[in-house]
Amino acid sequence: RLVQRRSTWSSPTRPQGVSLGQAASVPTGSRCAGHSTLSLRCIAAYRWGMSSRRPVHTHSPLVEEADSTWAGRAEAGHGGRARVAPVRRVVALLRAELTEEPLSVDARWRLMRALYFAGEYASSGEAEAKSCFLEATRVAGESLSLLRARAQEGSSRDLSRSTPVDLVPRLAGDGEAAAAFAWGGVAWGMYALAEGIFAAAREGVAARIRDHAEAALWLSLALDD
């Protein structure tokens, strides 16, 4: 269903507000193997920058349980497939968290991550996987709207239609934004593969993947400084 391939990422154009020192440290010519060219950049940006230093958050009991369950998502897996129950529990907990905290970006990026895993490794077939990826794109859209509002605070510019890359200078050092853009890009990439490349292209998905991936990369660099 998903074709494995290798991809080379190149350095994106430096967004306004990102230092030359940060731009100089973007890796060029890196080689990495994975199952989706469309989502590799997002996953790499997330792991590269977010694995080092993150802002400390106090999480709700629902999120803490989701994180604990997520940590065991691959246990007792077989043949590249994961058990269904753990990731479904994670998804249910994070949906419940959003019912209580509807403006939470923190819960949304975790939900996108869980939906990606559910669709890719714990789905019963292509239809269920596509449903997971479609829900993840909706969550990505909600996250972008919330981050536009966050970036708008204290700004005289209208950011209501800004792309993720446009928001980078206003969200520098924001770990939630970096994670949300990274997993948002993954969501759109996996949706494109499930929907079909040409159909997704007609919806402008390629630009969404690119913008989310580049924003995640630049924000991760800012966190790493």
N, C-alpha and C. Protein backbone atom coordinates (compact mmCIF):
# COMPACT_ATOMS: atom_id res chain seq x y z
N ARG A 1 0.82 -1.21 0.00
CA ARG A 1 0.00 0.00 0.00
C ARG A 1 0.85 1.26 0.00
N LEU A 2 1.81 1.28 0.87
CA LEU A 2 2.71 2.42 0.89
C LEU A 2 4.08 1.99 0.39
N VAL A 3 4.58 2.70 -0.58
CA VAL A 3 5.84 2.33 -1.20
C VAL A 3 7.00 2.88 -0.39
N GLN A 4 7.93 1.99 -0.03
CA GLN A 4 9.11 2.44 0.70
C GLN A 4 10.08 3.10 -0.27
N ARG A 5 10.64 4.18 0.17
CA ARG A 5 11.58 4.90 -0.69
C ARG A 5 12.58 5.66 0.16
N ARG A 6 13.64 6.13 -0.48
CA ARG A 6 14.63 6.96 0.18
C ARG A 6 14.46 8.38 -0.33
N SER A 7 14.77 9.33 0.53
CA SER A 7 14.61 10.72 0.11
C SER A 7 15.78 11.54 0.60
N THR A 8 16.07 12.62 -0.10
CA THR A 8 17.08 13.58 0.30
C THR A 8 16.37 14.88 0.59
N TRP A 9 16.62 15.45 1.79
CA TRP A 9 15.99 16.74 2.02
C TRP A 9 17.03 17.82 1.78
N SER A 10 16.55 18.96 1.33
CA SER A 10 17.43 20.09 1.08
C SER A 10 17.04 21.21 2.02
N SER A 11 17.94 22.15 2.19
CA SER A 11 17.70 23.25 3.12
C SER A 11 16.61 24.15 2.58
N PRO A 12 15.54 24.43 3.35
CA PRO A 12 14.50 25.31 2.90
C PRO A 12 14.93 26.76 2.98
N THR A 13 14.15 27.63 2.36
CA THR A 13 14.43 29.04 2.42
C THR A 13 14.22 29.55 3.83
N ARG A 14 15.16 30.33 4.32
CA ARG A 14 15.08 30.81 5.70
C ARG A 14 13.92 31.78 5.85
N PRO A 15 12.96 31.53 6.77
CA PRO A 15 11.86 32.46 6.98
C PRO A 15 12.32 33.71 7.67
N GLN A 16 11.60 34.80 7.44
CA GLN A 16 11.93 36.06 8.09
C GLN A 16 11.84 35.91 9.59
N GLY A 17 12.87 36.39 10.30
CA GLY A 17 12.87 36.30 11.75
C GLY A 17 13.70 35.16 12.29
N VAL A 18 14.22 34.29 11.41
CA VAL A 18 15.09 33.20 11.85
C VAL A 18 16.53 33.61 11.59
N SER A 19 17.39 33.44 12.58
CA SER A 19 18.74 33.95 12.48
C SER A 19 19.57 33.21 11.46
N LEU A 20 20.62 33.87 10.96
CA LEU A 20 21.53 33.23 10.02
C LEU A 20 22.26 32.08 10.67
N GLY A 21 22.51 32.18 11.98
CA GLY A 21 23.15 31.08 12.68
C GLY A 21 22.28 29.84 12.67
N GLN A 22 20.99 30.04 12.82
CA GLN A 22 20.07 28.91 12.75
C GLN A 22 20.04 28.35 11.33
N ALA A 23 20.01 29.25 10.33
CA ALA A 23 19.95 28.80 8.95
C ALA A 23 21.18 28.00 8.58
N ALA A 24 22.34 28.39 9.11
CA ALA A 24 23.58 27.72 8.76
C ALA A 24 23.63 26.30 9.28
N SER A 25 22.83 26.03 10.31
CA SER A 25 22.90 24.70 10.91
C SER A 25 21.88 23.73 10.33
N VAL A 26 21.16 24.13 9.28
CA VAL A 26 20.23 23.21 8.63
C VAL A 26 21.01 22.15 7.88
N PRO A 27 20.73 20.86 8.10
CA PRO A 27 21.48 19.82 7.41
C PRO A 27 21.14 19.77 5.93
N THR A 28 22.11 19.60 5.08
CA THR A 28 21.88 19.46 3.67
C THR A 28 22.44 18.14 3.21
N GLY A 29 21.70 17.50 2.29
CA GLY A 29 22.18 16.24 1.75
C GLY A 29 22.02 15.07 2.68
N SER A 30 21.23 15.22 3.75
CA SER A 30 21.03 14.11 4.66
C SER A 30 20.27 13.00 3.97
N ARG A 31 20.65 11.76 4.23
CA ARG A 31 19.94 10.62 3.66
C ARG A 31 19.23 9.88 4.77
N CYS A 32 17.95 9.57 4.59
CA CYS A 32 17.21 8.84 5.60
C CYS A 32 16.20 7.94 4.92
N ALA A 33 16.02 6.75 5.46
CA ALA A 33 15.10 5.79 4.86
C ALA A 33 13.78 5.84 5.59
N GLY A 34 12.68 5.63 4.86
CA GLY A 34 11.37 5.63 5.49
C GLY A 34 10.32 5.20 4.51
N HIS A 35 9.08 5.16 4.96
CA HIS A 35 8.01 4.67 4.13
C HIS A 35 7.27 5.77 3.41
N SER A 36 7.56 7.04 3.66
CA SER A 36 6.83 8.11 3.00
C SER A 36 7.70 9.32 2.80
N THR A 37 8.00 9.64 1.55
CA THR A 37 8.75 10.85 1.26
C THR A 37 7.99 12.07 1.75
N LEU A 38 6.66 12.03 1.66
CA LEU A 38 5.85 13.18 2.00
C LEU A 38 5.87 13.51 3.47
N SER A 39 6.13 12.52 4.33
CA SER A 39 6.10 12.79 5.77
C SER A 39 7.46 12.69 6.44
N LEU A 40 8.50 12.26 5.73
CA LEU A 40 9.82 12.09 6.34
C LEU A 40 10.36 13.39 6.91
N ARG A 41 10.21 14.49 6.17
CA ARG A 41 10.78 15.74 6.63
C ARG A 41 10.15 16.16 7.96
N CYS A 42 8.85 15.95 8.07
CA CYS A 42 8.15 16.34 9.30
C CYS A 42 8.62 15.51 10.48
N ILE A 43 8.72 14.20 10.30
CA ILE A 43 9.16 13.32 11.38
C ILE A 43 10.59 13.65 11.77
N ALA A 44 11.45 13.87 10.78
CA ALA A 44 12.85 14.17 11.06
C ALA A 44 12.99 15.49 11.81
N ALA A 45 12.25 16.51 11.38
CA ALA A 45 12.32 17.80 12.05
C ALA A 45 11.88 17.68 13.49
N TYR A 46 10.81 16.93 13.71
CA TYR A 46 10.30 16.73 15.08
C TYR A 46 11.33 16.03 15.94
N ARG A 47 11.86 14.90 15.45
CA ARG A 47 12.80 14.12 16.26
C ARG A 47 14.10 14.86 16.49
N TRP A 48 14.55 15.59 15.48
CA TRP A 48 15.84 16.26 15.56
C TRP A 48 15.82 17.37 16.61
N GLY A 49 14.82 18.26 16.51
CA GLY A 49 14.79 19.40 17.41
C GLY A 49 14.12 19.12 18.73
N MET A 50 13.04 18.34 18.71
CA MET A 50 12.25 18.17 19.91
C MET A 50 12.83 17.13 20.85
N SER A 51 13.80 16.36 20.38
CA SER A 51 14.35 15.31 21.24
C SER A 51 15.33 15.86 22.26
N SER A 52 15.72 17.12 22.12
CA SER A 52 16.75 17.65 23.01
C SER A 52 16.17 18.40 24.20
N ARG A 53 15.65 19.61 23.95
CA ARG A 53 15.14 20.40 25.06
C ARG A 53 13.73 20.86 24.75
N ARG A 54 12.81 20.64 25.67
CA ARG A 54 11.43 21.06 25.52
C ARG A 54 11.00 21.87 26.73
N PRO A 55 10.04 22.80 26.51
CA PRO A 55 9.49 23.47 27.67
C PRO A 55 8.81 22.46 28.60
N VAL A 56 8.88 22.69 29.89
CA VAL A 56 8.27 21.78 30.85
C VAL A 56 6.79 22.13 31.00
N HIS A 57 5.92 21.14 30.85
CA HIS A 57 4.49 21.35 30.98
C HIS A 57 3.96 20.54 32.15
N THR A 58 2.90 21.05 32.75
CA THR A 58 2.14 20.27 33.72
C THR A 58 0.95 19.71 32.99
N HIS A 59 0.87 18.39 32.88
CA HIS A 59 -0.17 17.77 32.09
C HIS A 59 -1.31 17.29 32.98
N SER A 60 -2.49 17.22 32.38
CA SER A 60 -3.66 16.71 33.07
C SER A 60 -3.53 15.20 33.25
N PRO A 61 -4.33 14.61 34.15
CA PRO A 61 -4.31 13.16 34.31
C PRO A 61 -4.61 12.41 33.01
N LEU A 62 -5.49 12.95 32.17
CA LEU A 62 -5.82 12.30 30.91
C LEU A 62 -4.60 12.24 29.99
N VAL A 63 -3.87 13.35 29.90
CA VAL A 63 -2.68 13.39 29.04
C VAL A 63 -1.58 12.51 29.62
N GLU A 64 -1.43 12.53 30.93
CA GLU A 64 -0.42 11.68 31.55
C GLU A 64 -0.69 10.20 31.30
N GLU A 65 -1.96 9.81 31.38
CA GLU A 65 -2.30 8.42 31.09
C GLU A 65 -2.09 8.11 29.61
N ALA A 66 -2.42 9.07 28.75
CA ALA A 66 -2.19 8.88 27.32
C ALA A 66 -0.71 8.69 27.03
N ASP A 67 0.14 9.49 27.66
CA ASP A 67 1.58 9.36 27.46
C ASP A 67 2.09 8.02 27.96
N SER A 68 1.60 7.59 29.11
CA SER A 68 2.02 6.31 29.67
C SER A 68 1.60 5.15 28.76
N THR A 69 0.39 5.21 28.25
CA THR A 69 -0.09 4.16 27.35
C THR A 69 0.66 4.20 26.03
N TRP A 70 0.95 5.40 25.55
CA TRP A 70 1.69 5.56 24.31
C TRP A 70 3.07 4.91 24.40
N ALA A 71 3.69 5.01 25.55
CA ALA A 71 5.03 4.45 25.73
C ALA A 71 5.06 2.94 25.50
N GLY A 72 3.92 2.27 25.71
CA GLY A 72 3.87 0.82 25.52
C GLY A 72 3.16 0.41 24.25
N ARG A 73 3.04 1.31 23.31
CA ARG A 73 2.24 1.06 22.10
C ARG A 73 2.77 -0.10 21.25
N ALA A 74 4.09 -0.33 21.28
CA ALA A 74 4.68 -1.36 20.41
C ALA A 74 4.89 -2.69 21.11
N GLU A 75 4.56 -2.77 22.38
CA GLU A 75 4.78 -4.01 23.11
C GLU A 75 3.88 -5.12 22.57
N ALA A 76 4.46 -6.30 22.41
CA ALA A 76 3.73 -7.48 21.92
C ALA A 76 3.26 -7.32 20.48
N GLY A 77 3.86 -6.39 19.76
CA GLY A 77 3.55 -6.27 18.34
C GLY A 77 4.15 -7.44 17.57
N HIS A 78 3.67 -7.65 16.35
CA HIS A 78 4.15 -8.79 15.57
C HIS A 78 4.08 -8.46 14.08
N GLY A 79 5.16 -8.80 13.38
CA GLY A 79 5.16 -8.64 11.94
C GLY A 79 4.96 -7.22 11.47
N GLY A 80 5.48 -6.27 12.22
CA GLY A 80 5.32 -4.87 11.82
C GLY A 80 3.96 -4.29 12.15
N ARG A 81 3.14 -5.04 12.87
CA ARG A 81 1.82 -4.57 13.26
C ARG A 81 1.76 -4.44 14.78
N ALA A 82 1.07 -3.42 15.25
CA ALA A 82 0.94 -3.18 16.69
C ALA A 82 -0.43 -3.65 17.18
N ARG A 83 -0.49 -3.90 18.47
CA ARG A 83 -1.79 -4.22 19.07
C ARG A 83 -2.71 -3.01 18.95
N VAL A 84 -3.98 -3.28 18.73
CA VAL A 84 -4.94 -2.20 18.49
C VAL A 84 -5.31 -1.48 19.79
N ALA A 85 -5.50 -2.23 20.87
CA ALA A 85 -6.06 -1.66 22.10
C ALA A 85 -5.27 -0.47 22.66
N PRO A 86 -3.92 -0.54 22.76
CA PRO A 86 -3.21 0.59 23.37
C PRO A 86 -3.39 1.91 22.62
N VAL A 87 -3.23 1.89 21.31
CA VAL A 87 -3.31 3.15 20.58
C VAL A 87 -4.75 3.66 20.54
N ARG A 88 -5.71 2.75 20.52
CA ARG A 88 -7.11 3.20 20.58
C ARG A 88 -7.39 3.86 21.92
N ARG A 89 -6.79 3.34 22.98
CA ARG A 89 -6.93 3.96 24.29
C ARG A 89 -6.31 5.36 24.31
N VAL A 90 -5.15 5.49 23.69
CA VAL A 90 -4.50 6.81 23.61
C VAL A 90 -5.40 7.80 22.89
N VAL A 91 -5.95 7.39 21.75
CA VAL A 91 -6.83 8.26 20.98
C VAL A 91 -8.05 8.66 21.80
N ALA A 92 -8.65 7.70 22.50
CA ALA A 92 -9.83 8.00 23.31
C ALA A 92 -9.51 8.99 24.43
N LEU A 93 -8.36 8.80 25.08
CA LEU A 93 -7.97 9.70 26.17
C LEU A 93 -7.75 11.12 25.66
N LEU A 94 -7.12 11.25 24.51
CA LEU A 94 -6.83 12.58 23.99
C LEU A 94 -8.09 13.27 23.46
N ARG A 95 -9.00 12.49 22.90
CA ARG A 95 -10.29 13.08 22.52
C ARG A 95 -11.02 13.58 23.76
N ALA A 96 -10.96 12.81 24.83
CA ALA A 96 -11.59 13.23 26.09
C ALA A 96 -10.94 14.50 26.62
N GLU A 97 -9.62 14.58 26.51
CA GLU A 97 -8.91 15.78 26.94
C GLU A 97 -9.38 17.01 26.16
N LEU A 98 -9.61 16.85 24.87
CA LEU A 98 -10.05 17.99 24.06
C LEU A 98 -11.48 18.39 24.37
N THR A 99 -12.26 17.46 24.87
CA THR A 99 -13.60 17.81 25.33
C THR A 99 -13.51 18.74 26.53
N GLU A 100 -12.53 18.48 27.41
CA GLU A 100 -12.35 19.30 28.61
C GLU A 100 -11.52 20.55 28.32
N GLU A 101 -10.57 20.44 27.39
CA GLU A 101 -9.68 21.56 27.06
C GLU A 101 -9.70 21.78 25.54
N PRO A 102 -10.76 22.38 25.02
CA PRO A 102 -10.94 22.47 23.56
C PRO A 102 -9.91 23.34 22.84
N LEU A 103 -9.15 24.14 23.58
CA LEU A 103 -8.15 25.00 22.95
C LEU A 103 -6.73 24.44 23.07
N SER A 104 -6.60 23.21 23.49
CA SER A 104 -5.29 22.63 23.75
C SER A 104 -4.57 22.22 22.46
N VAL A 105 -3.45 22.87 22.18
CA VAL A 105 -2.57 22.45 21.08
C VAL A 105 -1.76 21.24 21.52
N ASP A 106 -1.42 21.21 22.80
CA ASP A 106 -0.63 20.11 23.35
C ASP A 106 -1.32 18.77 23.15
N ALA A 107 -2.62 18.70 23.42
CA ALA A 107 -3.36 17.46 23.22
C ALA A 107 -3.52 17.15 21.74
N ARG A 108 -3.63 18.18 20.92
CA ARG A 108 -3.85 17.96 19.49
C ARG A 108 -2.64 17.34 18.81
N TRP A 109 -1.42 17.79 19.14
CA TRP A 109 -0.29 17.17 18.45
C TRP A 109 -0.13 15.72 18.89
N ARG A 110 -0.44 15.44 20.13
CA ARG A 110 -0.40 14.05 20.59
C ARG A 110 -1.46 13.20 19.87
N LEU A 111 -2.64 13.79 19.66
CA LEU A 111 -3.70 13.06 18.96
C LEU A 111 -3.30 12.79 17.51
N MET A 112 -2.70 13.76 16.85
CA MET A 112 -2.23 13.53 15.46
C MET A 112 -1.20 12.41 15.42
N ARG A 113 -0.30 12.41 16.38
CA ARG A 113 0.72 11.36 16.45
C ARG A 113 0.07 9.99 16.65
N ALA A 114 -0.90 9.92 17.55
CA ALA A 114 -1.58 8.65 17.81
C ALA A 114 -2.38 8.18 16.60
N LEU A 115 -3.04 9.11 15.91
CA LEU A 115 -3.82 8.75 14.72
C LEU A 115 -2.91 8.25 13.60
N TYR A 116 -1.74 8.86 13.47
CA TYR A 116 -0.77 8.37 12.49
C TYR A 116 -0.40 6.92 12.81
N PHE A 117 -0.07 6.66 14.06
CA PHE A 117 0.35 5.31 14.45
C PHE A 117 -0.80 4.33 14.27
N ALA A 118 -2.01 4.74 14.64
CA ALA A 118 -3.16 3.87 14.50
C ALA A 118 -3.40 3.51 13.04
N GLY A 119 -3.32 4.50 12.17
CA GLY A 119 -3.57 4.25 10.76
C GLY A 119 -2.48 3.45 10.09
N GLU A 120 -1.25 3.68 10.50
CA GLU A 120 -0.11 3.04 9.84
C GLU A 120 0.19 1.65 10.38
N TYR A 121 0.00 1.44 11.66
CA TYR A 121 0.46 0.20 12.28
C TYR A 121 -0.63 -0.61 13.00
N ALA A 122 -1.81 -0.05 13.18
CA ALA A 122 -2.82 -0.77 13.96
C ALA A 122 -4.21 -0.72 13.33
N SER A 123 -4.28 -0.46 12.04
CA SER A 123 -5.58 -0.41 11.36
C SER A 123 -5.91 -1.77 10.76
N SER A 124 -7.20 -2.01 10.57
CA SER A 124 -7.65 -3.29 10.01
C SER A 124 -7.60 -3.32 8.49
N GLY A 125 -7.44 -2.17 7.88
CA GLY A 125 -7.40 -2.12 6.42
C GLY A 125 -7.25 -0.69 5.94
N GLU A 126 -7.28 -0.50 4.63
CA GLU A 126 -7.05 0.82 4.05
C GLU A 126 -8.13 1.82 4.44
N ALA A 127 -9.38 1.38 4.51
CA ALA A 127 -10.47 2.29 4.85
C ALA A 127 -10.30 2.87 6.26
N GLU A 128 -9.96 2.00 7.22
CA GLU A 128 -9.75 2.47 8.58
C GLU A 128 -8.53 3.38 8.67
N ALA A 129 -7.47 3.01 7.95
CA ALA A 129 -6.27 3.85 7.96
C ALA A 129 -6.58 5.24 7.41
N LYS A 130 -7.29 5.28 6.29
CA LYS A 130 -7.63 6.57 5.68
C LYS A 130 -8.48 7.40 6.62
N SER A 131 -9.40 6.76 7.37
CA SER A 131 -10.22 7.48 8.34
C SER A 131 -9.35 8.12 9.43
N CYS A 132 -8.34 7.39 9.89
CA CYS A 132 -7.41 7.94 10.88
C CYS A 132 -6.67 9.15 10.34
N PHE A 133 -6.17 9.03 9.11
CA PHE A 133 -5.39 10.13 8.53
C PHE A 133 -6.28 11.34 8.25
N LEU A 134 -7.53 11.09 7.84
CA LEU A 134 -8.45 12.20 7.58
C LEU A 134 -8.75 12.95 8.87
N GLU A 135 -9.00 12.22 9.96
CA GLU A 135 -9.22 12.89 11.25
C GLU A 135 -7.99 13.68 11.66
N ALA A 136 -6.81 13.13 11.41
CA ALA A 136 -5.58 13.84 11.76
C ALA A 136 -5.44 15.15 10.99
N THR A 137 -5.87 15.18 9.73
CA THR A 137 -5.80 16.45 8.98
C THR A 137 -6.76 17.48 9.56
N ARG A 138 -7.91 17.02 10.04
CA ARG A 138 -8.84 17.97 10.66
C ARG A 138 -8.22 18.55 11.93
N VAL A 139 -7.55 17.69 12.70
CA VAL A 139 -6.89 18.17 13.91
C VAL A 139 -5.75 19.13 13.55
N ALA A 140 -5.06 18.84 12.45
CA ALA A 140 -3.99 19.74 11.99
C ALA A 140 -4.55 21.12 11.65
N GLY A 141 -5.71 21.15 11.01
CA GLY A 141 -6.34 22.42 10.69
C GLY A 141 -6.74 23.19 11.93
N GLU A 142 -7.27 22.49 12.92
CA GLU A 142 -7.62 23.14 14.18
C GLU A 142 -6.38 23.69 14.88
N SER A 143 -5.30 22.93 14.85
CA SER A 143 -4.05 23.38 15.49
C SER A 143 -3.53 24.64 14.82
N LEU A 144 -3.59 24.68 13.49
CA LEU A 144 -3.12 25.86 12.77
C LEU A 144 -3.95 27.08 13.16
N SER A 145 -5.26 26.93 13.25
CA SER A 145 -6.12 28.05 13.64
C SER A 145 -5.76 28.55 15.04
N LEU A 146 -5.54 27.62 15.97
CA LEU A 146 -5.19 28.01 17.33
C LEU A 146 -3.83 28.70 17.38
N LEU A 147 -2.88 28.22 16.59
CA LEU A 147 -1.55 28.83 16.59
C LEU A 147 -1.55 30.18 15.89
N ARG A 148 -2.41 30.35 14.91
CA ARG A 148 -2.57 31.69 14.32
C ARG A 148 -3.07 32.67 15.38
N ALA A 149 -4.04 32.23 16.17
CA ALA A 149 -4.56 33.10 17.24
C ALA A 149 -3.48 33.38 18.28
N ARG A 150 -2.68 32.39 18.61
CA ARG A 150 -1.59 32.58 19.57
C ARG A 150 -0.58 33.58 19.03
N ALA A 151 -0.23 33.44 17.76
CA ALA A 151 0.74 34.35 17.15
C ALA A 151 0.19 35.76 17.01
N GLN A 152 -1.11 35.87 16.90
CA GLN A 152 -1.76 37.17 16.71
C GLN A 152 -1.65 38.05 17.94
N GLU A 153 -1.51 37.45 19.11
CA GLU A 153 -1.45 38.22 20.35
C GLU A 153 -0.30 39.22 20.32
N GLY A 154 -0.64 40.48 20.46
CA GLY A 154 0.37 41.53 20.47
C GLY A 154 0.85 41.96 19.10
N SER A 155 0.27 41.42 18.05
CA SER A 155 0.69 41.78 16.69
C SER A 155 -0.36 42.65 16.03
N SER A 156 0.10 43.64 15.28
CA SER A 156 -0.82 44.52 14.55
C SER A 156 -1.20 43.95 13.19
N ARG A 157 -0.48 42.90 12.75
CA ARG A 157 -0.76 42.26 11.46
C ARG A 157 -1.92 41.29 11.59
N ASP A 158 -2.63 41.11 10.48
CA ASP A 158 -3.68 40.11 10.42
C ASP A 158 -3.04 38.78 10.04
N LEU A 159 -3.02 37.84 10.98
CA LEU A 159 -2.39 36.55 10.75
C LEU A 159 -3.41 35.43 10.54
N SER A 160 -4.65 35.79 10.30
CA SER A 160 -5.72 34.80 10.23
C SER A 160 -5.59 33.86 9.03
N ARG A 161 -4.81 34.25 8.03
CA ARG A 161 -4.61 33.40 6.85
C ARG A 161 -3.14 33.05 6.64
N SER A 162 -2.34 33.25 7.67
CA SER A 162 -0.90 33.00 7.56
C SER A 162 -0.60 31.52 7.44
N THR A 163 0.46 31.20 6.70
CA THR A 163 0.93 29.82 6.62
C THR A 163 1.74 29.49 7.87
N PRO A 164 2.00 28.21 8.12
CA PRO A 164 2.86 27.87 9.27
C PRO A 164 4.21 28.56 9.22
N VAL A 165 4.82 28.67 8.04
CA VAL A 165 6.13 29.33 7.94
C VAL A 165 6.01 30.80 8.30
N ASP A 166 4.91 31.46 7.91
CA ASP A 166 4.71 32.86 8.26
C ASP A 166 4.68 33.07 9.77
N LEU A 167 4.24 32.06 10.49
CA LEU A 167 4.06 32.18 11.93
C LEU A 167 5.34 31.94 12.73
N VAL A 168 6.36 31.42 12.09
CA VAL A 168 7.57 31.02 12.80
C VAL A 168 8.16 32.14 13.66
N PRO A 169 8.35 33.37 13.14
CA PRO A 169 8.95 34.40 14.01
C PRO A 169 8.13 34.71 15.25
N ARG A 170 6.82 34.57 15.16
CA ARG A 170 5.95 34.87 16.29
C ARG A 170 5.87 33.71 17.29
N LEU A 171 6.29 32.52 16.88
CA LEU A 171 6.16 31.34 17.73
C LEU A 171 7.52 30.75 18.12
N ALA A 172 8.59 31.52 17.95
CA ALA A 172 9.93 31.02 18.26
C ALA A 172 10.00 30.53 19.70
N GLY A 173 10.57 29.35 19.89
CA GLY A 173 10.70 28.78 21.21
C GLY A 173 9.47 28.05 21.72
N ASP A 174 8.45 27.94 20.87
CA ASP A 174 7.19 27.31 21.25
C ASP A 174 7.22 25.83 20.87
N GLY A 175 7.47 24.96 21.85
CA GLY A 175 7.57 23.54 21.58
C GLY A 175 6.28 22.92 21.11
N GLU A 176 5.14 23.41 21.63
CA GLU A 176 3.85 22.90 21.17
C GLU A 176 3.65 23.18 19.69
N ALA A 177 4.02 24.37 19.25
CA ALA A 177 3.87 24.73 17.84
C ALA A 177 4.76 23.85 16.96
N ALA A 178 6.01 23.63 17.39
CA ALA A 178 6.92 22.78 16.61
C ALA A 178 6.35 21.38 16.45
N ALA A 179 5.84 20.82 17.54
CA ALA A 179 5.28 19.47 17.47
C ALA A 179 4.01 19.43 16.64
N ALA A 180 3.16 20.45 16.80
CA ALA A 180 1.90 20.48 16.05
C ALA A 180 2.15 20.59 14.55
N PHE A 181 3.11 21.41 14.16
CA PHE A 181 3.41 21.54 12.74
C PHE A 181 4.07 20.27 12.20
N ALA A 182 4.93 19.65 13.00
CA ALA A 182 5.58 18.42 12.55
C ALA A 182 4.55 17.32 12.29
N TRP A 183 3.70 17.08 13.26
CA TRP A 183 2.71 16.01 13.10
C TRP A 183 1.58 16.41 12.17
N GLY A 184 1.34 17.70 12.03
CA GLY A 184 0.39 18.15 11.02
C GLY A 184 0.88 17.82 9.62
N GLY A 185 2.17 18.03 9.39
CA GLY A 185 2.75 17.67 8.10
C GLY A 185 2.69 16.18 7.84
N VAL A 186 2.94 15.38 8.88
CA VAL A 186 2.82 13.93 8.75
C VAL A 186 1.38 13.56 8.39
N ALA A 187 0.43 14.18 9.07
CA ALA A 187 -0.99 13.88 8.81
C ALA A 187 -1.35 14.15 7.36
N TRP A 188 -0.94 15.29 6.84
CA TRP A 188 -1.25 15.61 5.45
C TRP A 188 -0.51 14.68 4.48
N GLY A 189 0.71 14.30 4.82
CA GLY A 189 1.45 13.38 3.96
C GLY A 189 0.80 12.01 3.89
N MET A 190 0.39 11.49 5.03
CA MET A 190 -0.24 10.18 5.04
C MET A 190 -1.62 10.22 4.38
N TYR A 191 -2.33 11.33 4.56
CA TYR A 191 -3.61 11.48 3.88
C TYR A 191 -3.42 11.48 2.36
N ALA A 192 -2.36 12.15 1.90
CA ALA A 192 -2.09 12.20 0.46
C ALA A 192 -1.84 10.79 -0.09
N LEU A 193 -1.09 9.99 0.64
CA LEU A 193 -0.82 8.64 0.18
C LEU A 193 -2.08 7.78 0.18
N ALA A 194 -2.93 7.97 1.18
CA ALA A 194 -4.16 7.19 1.26
C ALA A 194 -5.19 7.64 0.23
N GLU A 195 -5.26 8.93 0.00
CA GLU A 195 -6.25 9.48 -0.93
C GLU A 195 -5.83 9.30 -2.38
N GLY A 196 -4.51 9.31 -2.60
CA GLY A 196 -3.98 9.26 -3.95
C GLY A 196 -3.29 10.59 -4.25
N ILE A 197 -2.09 10.51 -4.78
CA ILE A 197 -1.27 11.71 -4.97
C ILE A 197 -1.97 12.75 -5.83
N PHE A 198 -2.58 12.33 -6.92
CA PHE A 198 -3.18 13.30 -7.84
C PHE A 198 -4.41 13.95 -7.22
N ALA A 199 -5.22 13.16 -6.53
CA ALA A 199 -6.39 13.72 -5.86
C ALA A 199 -5.96 14.71 -4.77
N ALA A 200 -4.94 14.33 -4.02
CA ALA A 200 -4.44 15.22 -2.97
C ALA A 200 -3.86 16.50 -3.55
N ALA A 201 -3.20 16.37 -4.71
CA ALA A 201 -2.61 17.56 -5.34
C ALA A 201 -3.68 18.58 -5.69
N ARG A 202 -4.84 18.09 -6.11
CA ARG A 202 -5.92 19.01 -6.46
C ARG A 202 -6.43 19.77 -5.24
N GLU A 203 -6.19 19.22 -4.05
CA GLU A 203 -6.60 19.88 -2.80
C GLU A 203 -5.49 20.77 -2.24
N GLY A 204 -4.38 20.87 -2.92
CA GLY A 204 -3.28 21.71 -2.44
C GLY A 204 -2.52 21.12 -1.27
N VAL A 205 -2.52 19.78 -1.17
CA VAL A 205 -1.90 19.14 -0.02
C VAL A 205 -0.38 19.31 -0.02
N ALA A 206 0.23 19.32 -1.19
CA ALA A 206 1.70 19.42 -1.25
C ALA A 206 2.20 20.68 -0.55
N ALA A 207 1.52 21.80 -0.77
CA ALA A 207 1.93 23.05 -0.13
C ALA A 207 1.76 22.97 1.39
N ARG A 208 0.70 22.29 1.83
CA ARG A 208 0.49 22.15 3.27
C ARG A 208 1.61 21.33 3.90
N ILE A 209 1.98 20.23 3.24
CA ILE A 209 3.06 19.39 3.77
C ILE A 209 4.35 20.20 3.86
N ARG A 210 4.68 20.89 2.77
CA ARG A 210 5.91 21.69 2.73
C ARG A 210 5.93 22.74 3.84
N ASP A 211 4.83 23.49 3.98
CA ASP A 211 4.80 24.58 4.95
C ASP A 211 4.88 24.06 6.38
N HIS A 212 4.18 22.96 6.67
CA HIS A 212 4.25 22.39 8.01
C HIS A 212 5.65 21.87 8.32
N ALA A 213 6.26 21.21 7.33
CA ALA A 213 7.60 20.64 7.55
C ALA A 213 8.63 21.73 7.78
N GLU A 214 8.59 22.79 6.97
CA GLU A 214 9.57 23.86 7.12
C GLU A 214 9.37 24.60 8.44
N ALA A 215 8.12 24.85 8.81
CA ALA A 215 7.87 25.53 10.08
C ALA A 215 8.35 24.68 11.26
N ALA A 216 8.10 23.38 11.20
CA ALA A 216 8.57 22.50 12.27
C ALA A 216 10.08 22.51 12.37
N LEU A 217 10.75 22.52 11.23
CA LEU A 217 12.20 22.53 11.22
C LEU A 217 12.75 23.80 11.85
N TRP A 218 12.24 24.96 11.44
CA TRP A 218 12.76 26.21 11.96
C TRP A 218 12.45 26.38 13.45
N LEU A 219 11.27 25.98 13.86
CA LEU A 219 10.95 26.08 15.28
C LEU A 219 11.78 25.13 16.12
N SER A 220 12.09 23.94 15.58
CA SER A 220 12.94 22.99 16.29
C SER A 220 14.35 23.55 16.43
N LEU A 221 14.84 24.21 15.40
CA LEU A 221 16.15 24.86 15.48
C LEU A 221 16.19 25.92 16.57
N ALA A 222 15.11 26.69 16.67
CA ALA A 222 15.04 27.73 17.69
C ALA A 222 15.06 27.12 19.09
N LEU A 223 14.39 25.99 19.26
CA LEU A 223 14.40 25.31 20.56
C LEU A 223 15.78 24.77 20.90
N ASP A 224 16.53 24.39 19.86
CA ASP A 224 17.85 23.79 20.08
C ASP A 224 18.91 24.81 20.41
N ASP A 225 18.68 26.12 20.14
CA ASP A 225 19.70 27.14 20.38
C ASP A 225 19.99 27.30 21.87
